[in-house]
N, C-alpha and C. Protein backbone atom coordinates (compact mmCIF):
# COMPACT_ATOMS: atom_id res chain seq x y z
N MET A 1 5.44 -33.35 -11.33
CA MET A 1 6.34 -32.21 -11.64
C MET A 1 6.22 -31.76 -13.06
N ILE A 2 4.59 -30.81 -12.75
CA ILE A 2 4.25 -29.95 -13.42
C ILE A 2 4.84 -28.92 -12.40
N LEU A 3 4.89 -29.23 -11.55
CA LEU A 3 5.11 -28.69 -10.24
C LEU A 3 7.29 -27.89 -10.41
N ALA A 4 7.97 -29.33 -10.68
CA ALA A 4 9.31 -28.52 -11.08
C ALA A 4 9.33 -28.16 -12.00
N ALA A 5 8.44 -27.82 -12.61
CA ALA A 5 8.36 -27.81 -13.84
C ALA A 5 7.97 -25.74 -14.13
N LEU A 6 7.40 -25.93 -13.24
CA LEU A 6 6.59 -24.18 -12.56
C LEU A 6 8.09 -23.89 -11.42
N VAL A 7 8.49 -24.22 -10.96
CA VAL A 7 9.76 -23.69 -10.32
C VAL A 7 10.32 -23.39 -11.56
N VAL A 8 11.20 -24.20 -11.85
CA VAL A 8 12.27 -23.09 -12.96
C VAL A 8 12.15 -23.17 -13.55
N ILE A 9 10.44 -22.13 -14.07
CA ILE A 9 10.50 -20.80 -14.94
C ILE A 9 10.54 -20.15 -13.76
N LYS A 10 9.94 -20.24 -12.73
CA LYS A 10 9.53 -18.92 -11.92
C LYS A 10 10.80 -18.31 -11.27
N VAL A 11 11.14 -19.11 -10.07
CA VAL A 11 11.35 -18.62 -9.57
C VAL A 11 12.88 -17.84 -9.99
N PRO A 12 13.86 -17.94 -11.34
CA PRO A 12 14.51 -17.36 -12.13
C PRO A 12 14.27 -15.48 -11.76
N GLN A 13 12.98 -15.86 -12.75
CA GLN A 13 12.17 -14.43 -12.95
C GLN A 13 11.99 -13.84 -11.64
N TRP A 14 11.90 -14.06 -9.76
CA TRP A 14 11.00 -14.02 -9.06
C TRP A 14 11.92 -13.26 -8.87
N VAL A 15 14.16 -14.05 -8.50
CA VAL A 15 15.32 -13.17 -8.44
C VAL A 15 15.20 -12.30 -9.47
N ASN A 16 15.40 -12.02 -10.44
CA ASN A 16 15.95 -10.62 -10.94
C ASN A 16 13.94 -10.01 -11.11
N ASP A 17 12.98 -10.32 -10.03
CA ASP A 17 11.75 -9.34 -10.56
C ASP A 17 12.47 -9.07 -8.72
N GLY A 18 13.89 -9.29 -7.95
CA GLY A 18 13.97 -8.99 -6.40
C GLY A 18 15.27 -7.67 -6.84
N LYS A 19 15.93 -8.62 -7.32
CA LYS A 19 16.99 -6.49 -8.78
C LYS A 19 16.12 -5.75 -9.53
N LEU A 20 15.36 -6.15 -9.52
CA LEU A 20 14.40 -4.83 -10.97
C LEU A 20 14.40 -3.76 -9.01
N ALA A 21 13.23 -4.88 -8.14
CA ALA A 21 12.96 -3.89 -6.62
C ALA A 21 14.01 -3.42 -6.47
N GLY A 22 15.04 -3.81 -6.04
CA GLY A 22 16.10 -3.46 -5.87
C GLY A 22 16.34 -1.87 -6.57
N LEU A 23 16.79 -2.13 -7.05
CA LEU A 23 17.50 -0.72 -8.49
C LEU A 23 16.02 0.33 -8.56
N GLU A 24 14.63 -0.11 -8.23
CA GLU A 24 14.42 0.62 -8.91
C GLU A 24 14.46 1.54 -7.34
N GLU A 25 13.98 0.93 -6.16
CA GLU A 25 14.14 1.41 -5.14
C GLU A 25 15.14 3.10 -4.77
N ARG A 26 16.15 2.14 -4.97
CA ARG A 26 17.70 2.93 -5.21
C ARG A 26 17.62 4.52 -6.08
N VAL A 27 16.47 3.59 -6.62
CA VAL A 27 16.19 5.59 -8.21
C VAL A 27 14.88 6.11 -7.24
N SER A 28 14.22 5.44 -6.61
CA SER A 28 13.27 5.96 -6.30
C SER A 28 14.07 6.42 -4.58
N MET A 29 14.78 7.25 -4.52
CA MET A 29 15.59 8.04 -3.05
C MET A 29 16.08 8.34 -3.96
N LEU A 30 16.53 9.20 -5.14
CA LEU A 30 18.39 10.19 -5.49
C LEU A 30 17.18 11.37 -4.49
N GLU A 31 17.56 12.01 -4.78
CA GLU A 31 17.64 13.26 -3.93
C GLU A 31 17.86 13.56 -5.97
N LEU A 32 17.07 14.65 -5.56
CA LEU A 32 16.30 15.83 -6.82
C LEU A 32 17.22 17.09 -6.85
N PRO A 33 17.48 17.52 -8.77
CA PRO A 33 17.95 18.29 -7.95
C PRO A 33 16.92 19.95 -8.28
N PRO A 34 17.82 20.21 -7.38
CA PRO A 34 17.10 22.19 -6.77
C PRO A 34 15.73 22.10 -7.76
N GLY A 35 15.14 23.24 -7.93
CA GLY A 35 13.24 22.93 -8.49
C GLY A 35 12.76 21.93 -9.07
N THR A 36 12.97 20.40 -9.15
CA THR A 36 11.83 19.53 -9.37
C THR A 36 11.94 18.56 -8.72
N GLU A 37 11.18 18.30 -9.22
CA GLU A 37 9.76 17.95 -7.87
C GLU A 37 9.70 16.02 -9.34
N ARG A 38 9.37 15.13 -8.29
CA ARG A 38 7.73 13.80 -9.23
C ARG A 38 7.89 14.64 -9.29
N ASP A 39 6.63 13.73 -10.59
CA ASP A 39 5.85 13.77 -11.37
C ASP A 39 4.32 12.22 -10.35
N VAL A 40 3.78 12.61 -9.99
CA VAL A 40 3.46 12.46 -8.03
C VAL A 40 1.96 11.15 -9.22
N SER A 41 1.80 11.88 -10.42
CA SER A 41 0.93 10.77 -11.29
C SER A 41 1.74 9.37 -11.96
N ALA A 42 2.92 9.42 -12.19
CA ALA A 42 3.88 7.90 -12.83
C ALA A 42 4.90 7.36 -11.90
N GLY A 43 5.14 7.42 -10.79
CA GLY A 43 5.64 6.42 -10.22
C GLY A 43 7.31 6.18 -10.48
N VAL A 44 7.64 5.20 -9.91
CA VAL A 44 9.34 4.86 -10.22
C VAL A 44 8.94 3.41 -10.72
N GLN A 45 8.99 3.28 -12.29
CA GLN A 45 8.47 2.61 -13.47
C GLN A 45 9.76 1.65 -13.92
N GLY A 46 9.56 0.20 -14.22
CA GLY A 46 11.16 -0.70 -14.24
C GLY A 46 10.69 -2.15 -15.45
N SER A 47 11.40 -2.40 -15.74
CA SER A 47 10.78 -4.18 -16.30
C SER A 47 12.88 -4.43 -16.39
N VAL A 48 12.73 -5.92 -16.84
CA VAL A 48 13.14 -7.01 -16.88
C VAL A 48 13.29 -6.95 -18.11
N GLY A 49 14.39 -7.91 -19.02
CA GLY A 49 13.63 -8.98 -19.61
C GLY A 49 15.95 -8.69 -21.16
N LEU A 50 15.53 -8.83 -22.33
CA LEU A 50 16.39 -8.96 -23.47
C LEU A 50 16.09 -7.35 -23.74
N GLN A 51 16.23 -6.57 -23.46
CA GLN A 51 15.35 -5.22 -24.06
C GLN A 51 16.96 -4.62 -24.40
N ALA A 52 17.69 -4.81 -25.09
CA ALA A 52 19.54 -4.22 -25.73
C ALA A 52 19.81 -4.97 -27.00
N GLY A 53 20.57 -4.81 -28.43
CA GLY A 53 20.66 -5.37 -28.61
C GLY A 53 20.28 -7.27 -29.06
N ASN A 54 20.61 -8.39 -29.38
CA ASN A 54 20.32 -9.45 -29.16
C ASN A 54 20.89 -10.78 -28.49
N GLY A 55 21.10 -11.54 -27.81
CA GLY A 55 21.86 -12.35 -27.40
C GLY A 55 21.03 -13.38 -25.59
N ASN A 56 21.90 -13.51 -24.76
CA ASN A 56 21.80 -14.52 -24.19
C ASN A 56 22.63 -12.58 -22.53
N HIS A 57 21.42 -13.01 -22.56
CA HIS A 57 21.70 -11.39 -21.91
C HIS A 57 20.14 -10.51 -20.71
N CYS A 58 20.59 -10.20 -19.41
CA CYS A 58 19.34 -9.24 -18.47
C CYS A 58 19.72 -7.99 -18.63
N ASP A 59 18.60 -7.63 -19.11
CA ASP A 59 18.48 -5.15 -18.33
C ASP A 59 17.56 -5.27 -17.67
N PHE A 60 18.25 -4.06 -17.42
CA PHE A 60 16.72 -3.90 -16.53
C PHE A 60 17.00 -1.88 -16.61
N LEU A 61 16.56 -1.96 -17.31
CA LEU A 61 14.83 -0.32 -16.79
C LEU A 61 14.76 -0.23 -15.50
N VAL A 62 14.55 1.48 -15.13
CA VAL A 62 13.88 1.76 -14.58
C VAL A 62 13.39 3.72 -14.39
N ARG A 63 13.13 3.69 -14.54
CA ARG A 63 12.58 5.19 -15.03
C ARG A 63 11.33 5.90 -14.35
N MET A 64 11.33 6.97 -14.83
CA MET A 64 11.14 7.93 -13.93
C MET A 64 10.51 9.76 -14.38
N ILE A 65 9.73 10.08 -14.77
CA ILE A 65 9.50 11.58 -14.32
C ILE A 65 9.54 12.70 -12.99
N VAL A 66 9.98 13.09 -13.53
CA VAL A 66 9.68 14.59 -13.42
C VAL A 66 9.79 15.51 -13.45
N ARG A 67 9.44 16.69 -13.24
CA ARG A 67 9.05 18.03 -13.30
C ARG A 67 10.06 18.84 -13.09
N THR A 68 10.49 20.58 -13.82
CA THR A 68 11.84 20.63 -13.21
C THR A 68 11.69 22.11 -14.22
N ARG A 69 12.62 22.98 -12.72
CA ARG A 69 12.56 23.89 -13.74
C ARG A 69 13.61 24.96 -14.28
N LEU A 70 14.58 23.35 -14.32
CA LEU A 70 16.08 23.65 -14.16
C LEU A 70 16.49 24.14 -16.06
N PRO A 71 17.52 23.78 -17.04
CA PRO A 71 17.46 24.64 -18.51
C PRO A 71 18.13 22.87 -18.08
N ASP A 72 17.22 22.88 -19.46
CA ASP A 72 17.98 21.09 -20.45
C ASP A 72 19.17 20.88 -19.50
N ALA A 73 20.09 21.80 -19.98
CA ALA A 73 21.59 21.35 -20.26
C ALA A 73 21.53 20.66 -18.36
N GLU A 74 21.29 21.33 -18.29
CA GLU A 74 21.32 21.17 -16.39
C GLU A 74 20.49 20.16 -16.03
N ILE A 75 19.72 19.34 -16.05
CA ILE A 75 19.25 18.64 -15.76
C ILE A 75 19.47 17.35 -16.29
N ALA A 76 19.92 17.35 -17.42
CA ALA A 76 20.22 16.04 -18.14
C ALA A 76 22.34 15.92 -17.53
N ALA A 77 23.03 16.89 -16.82
CA ALA A 77 24.26 17.31 -16.48
C ALA A 77 23.94 16.75 -15.88
N SER A 78 22.71 17.09 -14.28
CA SER A 78 22.88 16.39 -13.34
C SER A 78 22.32 14.83 -12.99
N TYR A 79 21.96 14.14 -14.10
CA TYR A 79 21.57 13.03 -13.83
C TYR A 79 22.80 12.36 -14.27
N ALA A 80 23.22 12.73 -15.45
CA ALA A 80 24.56 12.37 -15.92
C ALA A 80 25.60 12.89 -14.63
N SER A 81 26.13 12.83 -14.42
CA SER A 81 26.31 12.30 -12.97
C SER A 81 25.80 11.68 -11.52
N ALA A 82 24.49 12.02 -11.09
CA ALA A 82 23.85 10.37 -10.34
C ALA A 82 24.54 9.49 -10.34
N LYS A 83 24.44 8.91 -9.25
CA LYS A 83 24.94 7.36 -9.20
C LYS A 83 23.92 7.03 -7.80
N VAL A 84 24.35 5.05 -8.91
CA VAL A 84 22.85 4.98 -8.32
C VAL A 84 23.23 3.40 -8.46
N GLU A 85 23.34 1.72 -7.67
CA GLU A 85 24.55 1.28 -7.10
C GLU A 85 23.38 0.19 -8.64
N GLY A 86 23.80 -0.32 -9.55
CA GLY A 86 23.57 -1.21 -10.11
C GLY A 86 22.48 -2.73 -9.50
N VAL A 87 22.50 -3.94 -10.00
CA VAL A 87 22.14 -5.14 -9.50
C VAL A 87 23.23 -5.32 -9.46
N ALA A 88 23.94 -5.56 -10.31
CA ALA A 88 25.39 -6.10 -9.77
C ALA A 88 26.36 -5.47 -9.30
N GLY A 89 25.94 -4.86 -8.21
CA GLY A 89 26.84 -3.94 -7.85
C GLY A 89 27.93 -2.53 -8.09
N ALA A 90 27.87 -2.54 -9.80
CA ALA A 90 27.95 -1.07 -10.62
C ALA A 90 27.27 -0.39 -10.60
N GLU A 91 28.13 0.67 -10.33
CA GLU A 91 27.01 2.65 -10.04
C GLU A 91 26.68 2.61 -11.72
N LEU A 92 26.21 2.81 -11.67
CA LEU A 92 25.36 3.81 -12.47
C LEU A 92 25.15 4.93 -12.83
N SER A 93 24.34 5.35 -14.73
CA SER A 93 24.88 7.28 -13.84
C SER A 93 23.73 7.43 -14.99
N GLY A 94 22.72 7.82 -14.05
CA GLY A 94 20.99 8.48 -15.42
C GLY A 94 21.05 9.20 -17.04
N ARG A 95 19.88 8.89 -17.58
CA ARG A 95 19.91 9.50 -18.00
C ARG A 95 18.79 10.74 -18.80
N ALA A 96 18.32 11.75 -19.43
CA ALA A 96 17.18 12.40 -18.94
C ALA A 96 17.14 12.82 -20.15
N TYR A 97 15.53 13.23 -21.02
CA TYR A 97 14.91 13.32 -21.45
C TYR A 97 14.13 14.19 -21.43
N VAL A 98 14.57 15.03 -21.46
CA VAL A 98 13.35 16.91 -21.62
C VAL A 98 12.54 16.45 -23.10
N SER A 99 11.57 16.70 -22.46
CA SER A 99 10.18 16.81 -23.16
C SER A 99 10.95 18.26 -24.52
N PRO A 100 10.26 17.38 -25.67
CA PRO A 100 10.29 19.40 -26.63
C PRO A 100 8.95 20.05 -27.12
N TYR A 101 8.36 19.49 -25.23
CA TYR A 101 6.63 20.46 -26.33
C TYR A 101 7.37 22.42 -24.37
N GLY A 102 8.13 22.02 -24.21
CA GLY A 102 8.13 23.60 -23.78
C GLY A 102 7.93 23.30 -21.90
N TYR A 103 7.63 24.56 -21.57
CA TYR A 103 7.00 24.51 -19.96
C TYR A 103 5.36 24.40 -19.89
N ARG A 104 5.37 24.28 -19.05
CA ARG A 104 3.36 23.88 -18.42
C ARG A 104 3.83 24.00 -16.72
N ASP A 105 3.06 25.12 -16.23
CA ASP A 105 2.96 25.23 -15.66
C ASP A 105 4.87 26.15 -14.70
N GLY A 106 5.07 26.66 -15.84
CA GLY A 106 6.49 26.88 -14.69
C GLY A 106 7.23 25.30 -14.78
N PHE A 107 7.18 24.33 -14.80
CA PHE A 107 7.79 23.06 -14.68
C PHE A 107 7.74 22.14 -16.18
N LYS A 108 8.79 20.95 -16.42
CA LYS A 108 8.98 21.53 -18.55
C LYS A 108 9.05 19.37 -17.62
N SER A 109 9.15 19.05 -18.05
CA SER A 109 8.45 17.35 -17.82
C SER A 109 10.00 16.35 -18.15
N VAL A 110 10.23 15.84 -17.80
CA VAL A 110 11.96 14.95 -17.94
C VAL A 110 12.01 13.23 -17.84
N VAL A 111 11.70 12.54 -18.56
CA VAL A 111 11.57 11.14 -18.41
C VAL A 111 13.41 11.24 -18.00
N VAL A 112 14.07 10.72 -17.37
CA VAL A 112 14.53 9.83 -16.52
C VAL A 112 14.93 7.99 -16.41
N GLU A 113 16.31 7.66 -16.89
CA GLU A 113 15.96 6.26 -17.80
C GLU A 113 17.61 5.45 -16.63
N PHE A 114 17.83 5.59 -15.76
CA PHE A 114 18.89 4.16 -15.51
C PHE A 114 19.05 2.53 -16.06
N PHE A 115 19.33 2.17 -16.32
CA PHE A 115 19.83 1.41 -17.47
C PHE A 115 20.65 0.22 -17.47
N HIS A 116 20.73 -0.87 -17.26
CA HIS A 116 21.28 -1.20 -16.50
C HIS A 116 21.39 -2.82 -16.71
N TRP A 117 22.70 -3.29 -18.55
CA TRP A 117 22.22 -4.31 -19.33
C TRP A 117 23.20 -5.49 -19.06
N GLY A 118 23.71 -6.22 -19.87
CA GLY A 118 24.06 -7.52 -20.25
C GLY A 118 24.28 -8.47 -18.77
N GLN A 119 23.18 -7.80 -18.20
CA GLN A 119 23.96 -9.66 -17.25
C GLN A 119 23.68 -10.69 -17.18
N ASP A 120 24.19 -11.54 -16.31
CA ASP A 120 23.64 -13.63 -15.99
C ASP A 120 21.47 -13.51 -16.66
N PRO A 121 21.91 -13.99 -17.29
CA PRO A 121 19.81 -14.29 -17.46
C PRO A 121 19.87 -14.43 -16.54
N GLY A 122 21.01 -16.29 -16.42
CA GLY A 122 20.55 -17.84 -15.58
C GLY A 122 19.41 -18.64 -16.30
N PHE A 123 18.02 -18.85 -15.78
CA PHE A 123 16.88 -19.12 -16.94
C PHE A 123 16.07 -19.04 -16.43
N ASP A 124 16.08 -17.32 -16.07
CA ASP A 124 14.79 -16.51 -16.96
C ASP A 124 14.94 -16.22 -17.98
N LEU A 125 13.47 -17.20 -18.56
CA LEU A 125 13.13 -17.24 -20.21
C LEU A 125 13.15 -15.81 -20.76
N ARG A 126 12.69 -14.61 -19.80
CA ARG A 126 12.23 -13.13 -20.61
C ARG A 126 13.88 -12.74 -20.76
N CYS A 127 14.76 -13.15 -20.90
CA CYS A 127 15.81 -12.95 -20.88
C CYS A 127 17.30 -13.30 -21.51
N HIS A 128 15.83 -14.08 -22.53
CA HIS A 128 16.60 -14.83 -24.18
C HIS A 128 15.91 -14.73 -25.31
């Protein structure tokens, strides 16, 4: 009985964790714009759950930190035009959040996010 309850709760989470891992991998494989490098201290981070609004759906968020020499508008445009396959096959574009603190060592920090919202939650309790 306990094992059955555990399976009902954990299997949907494992399925969505697998989808998230695939999205993280696709984001990490993106070609970086010129004058841009990954912030190796942060890596690619992802989360799954009900993250936007309310209701009964799963949202998948993947973010990475890069360092760039590009102007703010150019790095934002670069990731807005980037295409990554989401968890359900739709193409996602990125969103760049540029640090307001200026340049350090010739680079400016940028948080890049790819957000896929509104997916079927199944029985994943994180999405209800």
